[in-house]
Protein backbone atom coordinates (compact mmCIF):
# COMPACT_ATOMS: atom_id res chain seq x y z
CA MET A 1 0.00 0.00 0.00
CA ALA A 2 1.68 3.14 -1.21
CA ILE A 3 0.45 5.58 1.38
CA THR A 4 2.44 8.74 0.95
CA ASP A 5 4.35 10.32 3.78
CA THR A 6 3.24 13.84 4.70
CA SER A 7 6.60 15.04 5.89
CA PRO A 8 8.60 17.31 3.56
CA ALA A 9 9.79 15.73 0.31
CA PRO A 10 13.11 16.25 -1.44
CA ALA A 11 11.71 18.97 -3.69
CA VAL A 12 10.30 21.18 -0.92
CA ARG A 13 11.15 24.86 -1.11
CA ALA A 14 8.84 26.54 1.38
CA PRO A 15 8.19 30.22 0.82
CA ALA A 16 8.92 32.57 3.64
CA ALA A 17 5.48 33.98 4.30
CA SER A 18 3.33 34.77 7.26
CA PRO A 19 0.41 32.38 7.86
CA ALA A 20 -1.94 35.37 7.96
CA GLU A 21 -1.07 36.37 4.37
CA GLN A 22 -2.80 33.41 2.69
CA THR A 23 -6.49 33.31 1.85
CA TRP A 24 -8.16 30.08 0.83
CA THR A 25 -9.40 31.02 -2.62
CA PRO A 26 -11.40 28.67 -4.90
CA ARG A 27 -8.24 28.15 -6.99
CA LEU A 28 -6.29 27.15 -3.88
CA TRP A 29 -8.99 24.64 -2.96
CA GLY A 30 -8.85 23.38 -6.54
CA VAL A 31 -5.11 22.75 -6.36
CA LEU A 32 -5.56 20.84 -3.10
CA ALA A 33 -8.40 18.82 -4.64
CA VAL A 34 -6.19 17.78 -7.58
CA LEU A 35 -3.34 16.69 -5.31
CA CYS A 36 -5.69 14.78 -3.01
CA ALA A 37 -7.39 13.13 -5.99
CA VAL A 38 -4.08 11.75 -7.24
CA LEU A 39 -3.17 10.41 -3.79
CA PHE A 40 -6.67 8.93 -3.51
CA LEU A 41 -6.22 7.27 -6.93
CA ASP A 42 -2.95 5.70 -5.79
CA GLY A 43 -4.55 4.12 -2.72
CA LEU A 44 -7.62 3.13 -4.74
CA ASP A 45 -5.55 1.43 -7.42
CA VAL A 46 -3.40 -0.56 -4.98
CA SER A 47 -6.34 -2.05 -3.06
CA MET A 48 -8.55 -2.68 -6.11
CA VAL A 49 -5.84 -4.66 -7.86
CA GLY A 50 -5.13 -6.57 -4.63
CA VAL A 51 -8.74 -7.75 -4.48
CA ALA A 52 -8.60 -8.82 -8.13
CA LEU A 53 -5.45 -10.97 -7.89
CA PRO A 54 -7.17 -14.39 -7.70
CA SER A 55 -9.41 -13.53 -10.67
CA ILE A 56 -6.40 -12.32 -12.66
CA GLY A 57 -4.55 -15.54 -11.88
CA THR A 58 -7.47 -17.69 -12.98
CA GLU A 59 -8.11 -15.90 -16.29
CA LEU A 60 -4.49 -15.44 -17.34
CA GLY A 61 -3.21 -18.71 -15.86
CA LEU A 62 -0.76 -17.05 -13.48
CA SER A 63 0.82 -18.90 -10.57
CA THR A 64 1.23 -17.48 -7.08
CA THR A 65 4.83 -16.63 -8.00
CA SER A 66 3.66 -14.62 -11.01
CA LEU A 67 0.86 -12.90 -9.10
CA GLN A 68 3.28 -11.51 -6.53
CA TRP A 69 5.00 -9.65 -9.37
CA ILE A 70 1.78 -7.70 -9.96
CA VAL A 71 2.30 -6.35 -6.45
CA ASN A 72 6.10 -6.25 -6.44
CA GLY A 73 6.39 -4.76 -9.92
CA TYR A 74 4.56 -1.69 -8.65
CA VAL A 75 6.36 -1.63 -5.31
CA LEU A 76 9.84 -1.86 -6.83
CA GLY A 77 9.13 0.73 -9.50
CA TYR A 78 7.86 3.08 -6.82
CA GLY A 79 10.54 2.42 -4.22
CA GLY A 80 13.46 2.28 -6.63
CA LEU A 81 12.89 5.71 -8.18
CA LEU A 82 11.14 7.60 -5.37
CA LEU A 83 14.21 9.62 -4.38
CA LEU A 84 15.00 10.35 -8.04
CA GLY A 85 11.40 11.51 -8.55
CA GLY A 86 11.68 14.26 -5.98
CA ARG A 87 14.99 15.46 -7.39
CA THR A 88 13.64 15.45 -10.95
CA ALA A 89 10.80 17.74 -9.89
CA ASP A 90 13.40 20.22 -8.66
CA LEU A 91 15.36 20.11 -11.90
CA LEU A 92 12.57 20.06 -14.49
CA GLY A 93 9.76 21.83 -12.63
CA ARG A 94 7.16 20.38 -10.26
CA ARG A 95 4.11 21.10 -12.43
CA ARG A 96 5.63 19.53 -15.54
CA VAL A 97 6.84 16.37 -13.77
CA PHE A 98 3.54 15.92 -11.94
CA LEU A 99 1.39 16.21 -15.07
CA VAL A 100 3.62 13.97 -17.23
CA ALA A 101 3.73 11.27 -14.54
CA LEU A 102 -0.05 11.44 -14.11
CA ALA A 103 -0.52 11.00 -17.88
CA VAL A 104 1.77 7.95 -17.78
CA PHE A 105 -0.34 6.53 -14.94
CA ALA A 106 -3.52 6.90 -17.03
CA ILE A 107 -1.96 5.26 -20.10
CA ALA A 108 -0.52 2.35 -18.08
CA SER A 109 -3.91 1.81 -16.43
CA LEU A 110 -5.61 1.66 -19.82
CA VAL A 111 -3.07 -0.77 -21.27
CA GLY A 112 -3.24 -2.95 -18.14
CA GLY A 113 -6.98 -3.32 -18.55
CA LEU A 114 -6.67 -4.44 -22.16
CA VAL A 115 -3.74 -6.89 -22.23
CA ASN A 116 -4.15 -10.65 -22.25
CA ASP A 117 -0.58 -11.55 -21.32
CA GLY A 118 0.62 -11.83 -17.72
CA THR A 119 4.08 -10.46 -18.49
CA LEU A 120 2.66 -7.34 -20.15
CA LEU A 121 0.34 -6.85 -17.20
CA ILE A 122 3.29 -6.94 -14.81
CA VAL A 123 5.12 -4.42 -17.02
CA THR A 124 2.18 -2.01 -16.78
CA ARG A 125 2.26 -2.34 -12.99
CA PHE A 126 5.97 -1.53 -12.96
CA VAL A 127 5.33 1.53 -15.14
CA LYS A 128 2.56 2.65 -12.78
CA GLY A 129 4.98 2.28 -9.89
CA LEU A 130 7.46 4.46 -11.77
CA SER A 131 4.78 7.11 -12.31
CA ALA A 132 3.89 7.06 -8.60
CA ALA A 133 7.58 7.56 -7.78
CA PHE A 134 7.26 10.94 -9.50
CA THR A 135 3.68 11.97 -8.62
CA ALA A 136 3.96 11.20 -4.88
CA PRO A 137 6.92 13.42 -3.90
CA THR A 138 5.98 16.05 -6.49
CA ALA A 139 2.39 16.33 -5.21
CA LEU A 140 3.68 16.84 -1.69
CA SER A 141 6.20 19.37 -2.94
CA ILE A 142 3.51 21.32 -4.81
CA LEU A 143 1.40 21.34 -1.65
CA THR A 144 4.14 22.61 0.63
CA THR A 145 5.19 25.32 -1.83
CA THR A 146 1.61 26.41 -2.56
CA PHE A 147 0.39 26.61 1.04
CA HIS A 148 2.33 28.88 3.39
CA GLU A 149 4.02 27.42 6.44
CA GLY A 150 1.75 27.51 9.49
CA PRO A 151 -2.02 26.95 9.84
CA ALA A 152 -2.68 26.98 6.07
CA ARG A 153 -0.11 24.27 5.33
CA ASN A 154 -1.08 22.21 8.40
CA ARG A 155 -4.72 22.32 7.33
CA ALA A 156 -3.82 21.27 3.79
CA LEU A 157 -1.59 18.45 5.04
CA SER A 158 -4.31 17.13 7.37
CA VAL A 159 -6.73 16.92 4.43
CA PHE A 160 -4.07 15.46 2.13
CA SER A 161 -2.98 12.76 4.60
CA VAL A 162 -6.46 11.26 4.93
CA PHE A 163 -6.92 10.67 1.21
CA GLY A 164 -4.39 7.84 0.80
CA ALA A 165 -6.02 5.68 3.46
CA SER A 166 -9.50 6.70 2.29
CA GLY A 167 -8.60 5.67 -1.24
CA TYR A 168 -7.33 2.34 0.04
CA SER A 169 -10.58 1.71 1.98
CA SER A 170 -12.74 2.74 -0.98
CA GLY A 171 -10.68 0.55 -3.27
CA LEU A 172 -11.45 -2.55 -1.22
CA ILE A 173 -15.20 -2.06 -1.66
CA LEU A 174 -15.01 -0.86 -5.26
CA GLY A 175 -12.53 -3.61 -6.12
CA GLY A 176 -14.90 -6.24 -4.75
CA LEU A 177 -17.78 -4.83 -6.79
CA LEU A 178 -15.82 -4.37 -10.01
CA THR A 179 -14.11 -7.77 -9.85
CA SER A 180 -17.58 -9.34 -9.78
CA PHE A 181 -18.02 -7.96 -13.31
CA GLY A 182 -14.43 -8.67 -14.37
CA TRP A 183 -10.96 -7.88 -13.05
CA ARG A 184 -10.21 -5.60 -15.99
CA TRP A 185 -12.51 -2.96 -14.56
CA THR A 186 -10.14 -2.53 -11.61
CA PHE A 187 -7.52 -1.32 -14.12
CA LEU A 188 -9.84 0.69 -16.38
CA THR A 189 -11.80 2.58 -13.71
CA PRO A 190 -8.88 4.85 -12.66
CA VAL A 191 -8.38 6.00 -16.29
CA PRO A 192 -11.19 8.61 -16.52
CA LEU A 193 -10.49 9.76 -12.97
CA ALA A 194 -6.80 10.27 -13.80
CA LEU A 195 -7.70 12.16 -16.99
CA LEU A 196 -10.04 14.47 -15.06
CA ALA A 197 -7.30 15.13 -12.51
CA LEU A 198 -4.86 15.77 -15.36
CA ALA A 199 -7.14 18.34 -16.99
CA ALA A 200 -7.79 20.06 -13.67
CA GLY A 201 -4.09 20.06 -12.85
CA MET A 202 -3.22 21.71 -16.17
CA ALA A 203 -5.71 24.47 -15.45
CA LEU A 204 -5.08 25.02 -11.73
CA ILE A 205 -1.51 24.14 -10.73
CA PRO A 206 0.71 27.23 -10.98
CA ARG A 207 3.75 27.16 -13.24
CA ASP A 208 7.14 27.04 -11.58
CA LYS A 209 10.73 27.47 -12.71
CA PRO A 210 13.15 24.53 -12.78
CA SER A 211 16.20 24.68 -10.54
CA SER A 212 19.27 26.22 -12.16
CA ASP A 213 21.75 23.93 -10.42
CA GLY A 214 22.08 20.31 -9.34
CA GLY A 215 21.96 17.04 -11.24
CA HIS A 216 20.49 13.55 -11.50
CA ASP A 217 21.97 10.42 -9.99
CA ILE A 218 20.84 8.19 -12.84
CA LEU A 219 23.47 5.54 -12.15
CA GLY A 220 22.39 5.32 -8.51
CA ALA A 221 18.74 4.91 -9.51
CA VAL A 222 19.55 2.22 -12.09
CA THR A 223 21.82 0.18 -9.80
CA LEU A 224 19.38 0.37 -6.85
CA THR A 225 16.29 -0.57 -8.89
CA GLY A 226 18.13 -3.21 -10.91
CA GLY A 227 19.69 -4.77 -7.82
CA MET A 228 16.36 -4.97 -5.98
CA LEU A 229 14.49 -6.36 -9.00
CA LEU A 230 17.13 -9.05 -9.49
CA ALA A 231 17.20 -9.90 -5.77
CA VAL A 232 13.42 -10.38 -5.69
CA TYR A 233 13.50 -12.43 -8.90
CA THR A 234 16.21 -14.65 -7.45
CA VAL A 235 14.26 -15.32 -4.25
CA VAL A 236 10.95 -16.15 -5.95
CA SER A 237 12.50 -18.33 -8.69
CA ALA A 238 14.91 -20.24 -6.44
CA PRO A 239 12.40 -22.81 -5.08
CA ASP A 240 11.67 -24.08 -8.61
CA ARG A 241 15.20 -23.80 -9.98
CA GLY A 242 17.03 -24.81 -6.79
CA TRP A 243 18.91 -22.63 -4.30
CA LEU A 244 22.29 -24.03 -5.40
CA ASP A 245 21.54 -23.93 -9.11
CA PRO A 246 24.25 -22.00 -11.04
CA VAL A 247 21.63 -19.58 -12.42
CA THR A 248 20.34 -18.86 -8.90
CA LEU A 249 23.83 -18.30 -7.52
CA GLY A 250 24.83 -16.16 -10.49
CA SER A 251 21.66 -14.08 -10.26
CA PHE A 252 22.20 -13.54 -6.55
CA ALA A 253 25.84 -12.55 -7.12
CA LEU A 254 24.83 -10.03 -9.79
CA ALA A 255 22.17 -8.54 -7.51
CA VAL A 256 24.76 -8.10 -4.75
CA ALA A 257 27.19 -6.55 -7.25
CA LEU A 258 24.58 -4.03 -8.38
CA LEU A 259 23.76 -3.04 -4.79
CA ILE A 260 27.48 -2.67 -4.00
CA ALA A 261 27.79 -0.51 -7.12
CA PHE A 262 24.94 1.61 -5.77
CA VAL A 263 26.79 2.17 -2.47
CA VAL A 264 30.01 3.04 -4.32
CA THR A 265 28.10 5.42 -6.60
CA GLU A 266 26.48 7.24 -3.68
CA ASN A 267 29.90 7.87 -2.18
CA LYS A 268 31.33 9.35 -5.38
CA VAL A 269 28.66 11.29 -7.29
CA ARG A 270 28.14 14.99 -6.67
CA HIS A 271 24.37 14.74 -6.18
CA PRO A 272 23.67 11.27 -4.68
CA LEU A 273 20.18 9.88 -4.18
CA ILE A 274 21.18 9.06 -0.59
CA ARG A 275 23.91 10.70 1.46
CA LEU A 276 25.03 7.52 3.20
CA GLY A 277 26.40 9.42 6.19
CA ILE A 278 22.82 10.03 7.31
CA LEU A 279 22.64 6.34 8.25
CA ARG A 280 24.95 7.04 11.19
CA VAL A 281 21.94 8.54 13.00
CA GLY A 282 20.46 5.80 15.20
CA THR A 283 16.86 7.00 15.04
CA ILE A 284 16.95 6.99 11.24
CA VAL A 285 18.32 3.44 11.13
CA ARG A 286 15.61 2.24 13.55
CA ALA A 287 12.91 4.03 11.59
CA ASN A 288 14.03 2.42 8.34
CA LEU A 289 14.16 -1.06 9.88
CA SER A 290 10.78 -0.49 11.53
CA ILE A 291 9.14 0.50 8.25
CA VAL A 292 10.50 -2.71 6.68
CA ALA A 293 8.84 -4.70 9.49
CA LEU A 294 5.60 -2.74 9.13
CA PHE A 295 5.22 -2.76 5.34
CA GLY A 296 6.87 -6.14 4.80
CA SER A 297 4.63 -8.02 7.23
CA PHE A 298 1.41 -6.08 6.53
CA MET A 299 1.45 -6.21 2.73
CA SER A 300 2.62 -9.83 2.63
CA PHE A 301 -0.16 -10.91 5.01
CA GLN A 302 -2.73 -9.09 2.91
CA PHE A 303 -1.41 -10.81 -0.23
CA MET A 304 -1.80 -14.24 1.39
CA MET A 305 -5.27 -13.46 2.76
CA THR A 306 -6.46 -12.32 -0.65
CA LEU A 307 -5.52 -15.69 -2.12
CA TYR A 308 -6.59 -17.76 0.89
CA LEU A 309 -10.04 -16.27 1.33
CA GLN A 310 -10.90 -16.37 -2.39
CA ASP A 311 -9.03 -19.38 -3.78
CA VAL A 312 -9.21 -21.73 -0.79
CA LEU A 313 -12.36 -20.67 1.08
CA HIS A 314 -14.08 -19.55 -2.16
CA TRP A 315 -15.27 -16.24 -0.78
CA SER A 316 -16.51 -13.80 -3.42
CA PRO A 317 -14.30 -10.75 -4.15
CA LEU A 318 -16.84 -8.47 -2.47
CA LYS A 319 -17.09 -10.65 0.64
CA MET A 320 -13.31 -10.77 0.93
CA ALA A 321 -13.06 -6.99 0.47
CA MET A 322 -15.66 -6.34 3.15
CA ALA A 323 -13.85 -8.74 5.49
CA LEU A 324 -10.63 -6.73 5.23
CA LEU A 325 -12.34 -3.33 5.16
CA PRO A 326 -11.93 -2.60 8.91
CA VAL A 327 -8.15 -2.30 8.35
CA GLY A 328 -8.57 0.56 5.90
CA LEU A 329 -11.30 2.25 7.95
CA ILE A 330 -9.18 2.26 11.10
CA VAL A 331 -6.22 3.71 9.21
CA ALA A 332 -8.38 6.40 7.59
CA VAL A 333 -10.20 7.38 10.78
CA GLY A 334 -7.33 6.93 13.24
CA SER A 335 -4.41 8.50 11.38
CA PRO A 336 -5.46 12.15 11.95
CA PHE A 337 -5.40 11.58 15.73
CA VAL A 338 -1.94 10.01 15.88
CA GLY A 339 -0.29 13.44 16.12
CA ARG A 340 -1.79 14.01 19.56
CA LEU A 341 -0.58 10.61 20.74
CA LEU A 342 2.91 11.37 19.43
CA ASP A 343 2.98 14.61 21.40
CA ARG A 344 1.94 12.81 24.56
CA TYR A 345 3.83 9.52 24.41
CA GLY A 346 6.63 10.04 21.86
CA THR A 347 7.57 8.01 18.80
CA PRO A 348 9.37 5.06 20.51
CA ARG A 349 6.37 4.01 22.61
CA LEU A 350 3.94 4.44 19.74
CA ILE A 351 6.10 2.35 17.40
CA ILE A 352 6.37 -0.35 20.07
CA SER A 353 2.56 -0.31 20.42
CA SER A 354 2.27 -0.62 16.65
CA MET A 355 4.63 -3.61 16.41
CA LEU A 356 2.94 -5.27 19.36
CA SER A 357 -0.48 -4.83 17.76
CA LEU A 358 0.75 -6.25 14.46
CA SER A 359 2.45 -9.22 16.15
CA LEU A 360 -0.67 -10.02 18.18
CA GLY A 361 -2.80 -9.79 15.04
CA TYR A 362 -0.73 -12.36 13.17
CA ILE A 363 -0.44 -14.62 16.22
CA TRP A 364 -4.19 -14.42 16.79
CA PHE A 365 -4.89 -15.48 13.22
CA LEU A 366 -2.46 -18.36 13.46
CA ALA A 367 -4.14 -19.54 16.66
CA THR A 368 -7.76 -19.21 15.52
CA ALA A 369 -7.90 -19.63 11.74
CA GLY A 370 -7.81 -23.40 11.29
CA ASP A 371 -9.15 -24.78 8.01
CA ALA A 372 -12.45 -22.86 8.18
CA PRO A 373 -11.93 -19.60 10.09
CA ASN A 374 -14.94 -17.96 11.72
CA TYR A 375 -15.10 -14.30 10.75
CA ALA A 376 -16.11 -12.98 14.17
CA VAL A 377 -13.52 -15.08 16.00
CA ALA A 378 -10.52 -15.10 13.63
CA VAL A 379 -10.73 -12.52 10.84
CA PHE A 380 -12.40 -9.50 12.47
CA PRO A 381 -10.13 -9.31 15.56
CA THR A 382 -7.12 -9.71 13.26
CA THR A 383 -8.21 -6.77 11.08
CA ILE A 384 -8.74 -4.59 14.17
CA LEU A 385 -5.24 -5.34 15.49
CA LEU A 386 -3.60 -4.85 12.09
CA GLY A 387 -5.50 -1.63 11.37
CA GLY A 388 -4.47 -0.16 14.71
CA GLY A 389 -0.89 -1.29 14.25
CA PHE A 390 -0.60 0.30 10.83
CA ALA A 391 -2.35 3.55 11.82
CA PHE A 392 -0.09 4.04 14.85
CA GLY A 393 3.09 2.77 13.25
CA PHE A 394 3.13 4.57 9.90
CA SER A 395 2.89 8.12 11.25
CA ALA A 396 5.15 7.40 14.24
CA ILE A 397 7.88 5.87 12.08
CA MET A 398 7.75 8.81 9.67
CA ALA A 399 8.04 11.21 12.59
CA GLN A 400 11.00 9.30 14.06
CA ALA A 401 12.76 9.23 10.68
CA THR A 402 12.83 13.04 10.53
CA ASP A 403 13.14 13.83 14.25
CA GLY A 404 16.16 16.02 14.98
CA ILE A 405 17.29 16.09 11.33
CA ALA A 406 18.47 19.39 9.85
CA ASP A 407 15.96 21.20 7.64
CA SER A 408 18.25 20.72 4.64
CA GLU A 409 17.98 16.91 4.96
CA GLN A 410 14.33 16.51 5.99
CA GLY A 411 13.41 15.54 2.44
CA LEU A 412 16.23 13.02 2.23
CA ALA A 413 15.23 11.40 5.53
CA SER A 414 11.54 11.13 4.64
CA GLY A 415 12.28 9.88 1.12
CA LEU A 416 14.74 7.30 2.44
CA VAL A 417 12.25 5.79 4.89
CA GLN A 418 9.57 5.59 2.20
CA THR A 419 12.03 3.82 -0.10
CA SER A 420 12.98 1.38 2.67
CA GLY A 421 9.30 0.59 3.20
CA GLN A 422 8.71 -0.26 -0.45
CA VAL A 423 11.95 -2.22 -0.91
CA GLY A 424 11.45 -4.07 2.38
CA CYS A 425 7.92 -4.93 1.35
CA ALA A 426 9.20 -6.37 -1.93
CA LEU A 427 11.83 -8.55 -0.25
CA VAL A 428 9.54 -9.93 2.48
CA LEU A 429 6.79 -10.61 -0.07
CA ALA A 430 9.31 -12.41 -2.28
CA VAL A 431 10.30 -14.77 0.54
CA VAL A 432 6.66 -15.27 1.56
CA THR A 433 5.77 -16.13 -2.04
CA ALA A 434 8.62 -18.63 -2.20
CA LEU A 435 7.33 -20.32 0.97
CA VAL A 436 3.71 -20.42 -0.24
CA ALA A 437 4.62 -21.55 -3.76
CA SER A 438 6.81 -24.37 -2.43
CA ASP A 439 3.57 -26.26 -1.74
CA GLY A 440 3.22 -26.80 -5.48
CA GLN A 441 -0.40 -26.47 -6.54
CA GLY A 442 -1.48 -25.88 -2.97
CA SER A 443 -2.84 -28.22 -0.33
CA GLY A 444 -6.32 -26.71 -0.50
CA ASP A 445 -6.30 -25.48 3.10
CA PHE A 446 -4.57 -23.01 5.40
CA SER A 447 -1.48 -25.20 5.78
CA GLN A 448 -0.21 -23.88 2.42
CA PHE A 449 -0.07 -20.34 3.89
CA HIS A 450 1.04 -21.29 7.39
CA PRO A 451 4.81 -20.90 6.71
CA GLY A 452 4.20 -17.48 5.17
CA VAL A 453 2.17 -16.26 8.14
CA ASN A 454 4.87 -17.61 10.46
CA LEU A 455 7.41 -15.50 8.56
CA VAL A 456 5.42 -12.23 8.70
CA THR A 457 4.83 -12.85 12.41
CA GLY A 458 8.57 -13.24 12.90
CA VAL A 459 9.24 -10.03 10.93
CA ALA A 460 6.82 -8.08 13.15
CA VAL A 461 8.26 -9.57 16.34
CA VAL A 462 11.79 -8.63 15.26
CA GLY A 463 10.56 -5.08 14.70
CA LEU A 464 9.04 -5.09 18.19
CA LEU A 465 12.23 -6.40 19.85
CA LEU A 466 14.39 -3.90 17.97
CA ASN A 467 12.41 -0.98 19.36
CA LEU A 468 12.13 -2.47 22.87
CA VAL A 469 15.90 -2.84 23.07
CA ALA A 470 16.42 0.72 21.80
CA LEU A 471 13.97 2.09 24.36
CA GLY A 472 15.69 0.11 27.10
CA PHE A 473 19.10 1.59 26.24
CA ARG A 474 17.59 5.05 26.07
CA THR A 475 15.98 4.62 29.51
CA LYS A 476 19.30 3.46 31.03
CA ARG A 477 21.16 6.47 29.64
CA HIS A 478 18.69 8.79 31.31
């Protein structure tokens, strides 16, 4: 789920203006509506396609291994180029980058709804991830440069932040309805909405001048994205090919080489995607590891439940969507109130509460699901625990990632933690898919998914222990 962070992005250049100087004109509301619509579309698209995965697999003859690429193709495209997207907006102009990326999103959605080949469908998802890597940071940058610092910007951010989770919740319901008519509608429905947003954006978003200095780190973006794609491919293909097969070993070695090349590049180029020295800050390292635990476990569990509830238990797409809806509703309703909890309890305790809630949710499902889980006993309590864990954890981790960081590197810190979340999600999902797919055609019951749920539980527990240990050291020092 590509919920966008609402802390400053790499392209932010806030104007020095008094909060009292800005009046909320109809044009200003229009700009905010366009930005929120695009964020809403992103959340809508992710959840609708998630609901449709079993139907896509059945019609196109895709295995579980192939289906995970529909998720991971998007995630890796988004995570691999997110930092480059923010920098590109600086260099070429925020308005131009935003509108071009939104047009690419619409075209990829249209093509995805028309293709009959699984590989082409995965390619369209990767392209949509690439477009989101440019629209997400650019939309936030447009917002923070359009609305003056203070009450106006805070008000705009509070509205903006709700739309990602709201889109995700709406997508579950709409995805269930549309998949009943055919999975292609989950790809085609965003097209007219994206075109409307594009037309409104062209009319309302103010023109801006590109930056006169700076540069792209193209080599860094290519080595990072290529290394992660190859690493995920190696993990998901290894069970069929063999972990000691020469192709597997060679693929893994090449992935490592690309990631090493990325590190070397970041230390040498003038304008790196990531200034690696920032990783010496303990809170940033913990935040990045925590977001891996959060996104990796949450998205992988949702992937398994989508397949389990529809393919094994034969629930309809709409029934499955309604079963998971409480997660999205809790995130949408609870996220705006997390700020008050952060002020009162601080980020470490809230992140610990999040990881505990996630861990208990997975453990509860393992303990109660069985071969025919009762919704009231097994599924509903799990969704409540996971929704609370995600709502608390996402905002708290984002806050921790930028806490105490200089203004000049706020964008870098927030972009880095978002990238870690997407890349971590891809890697955990790859391993989960390998575990689930190792059962061959499936045992026809929950036992096929049991190893995968064990893994996501372990990932969440590791995230919990990491933050408990850090809090313990912090308490001793004081």
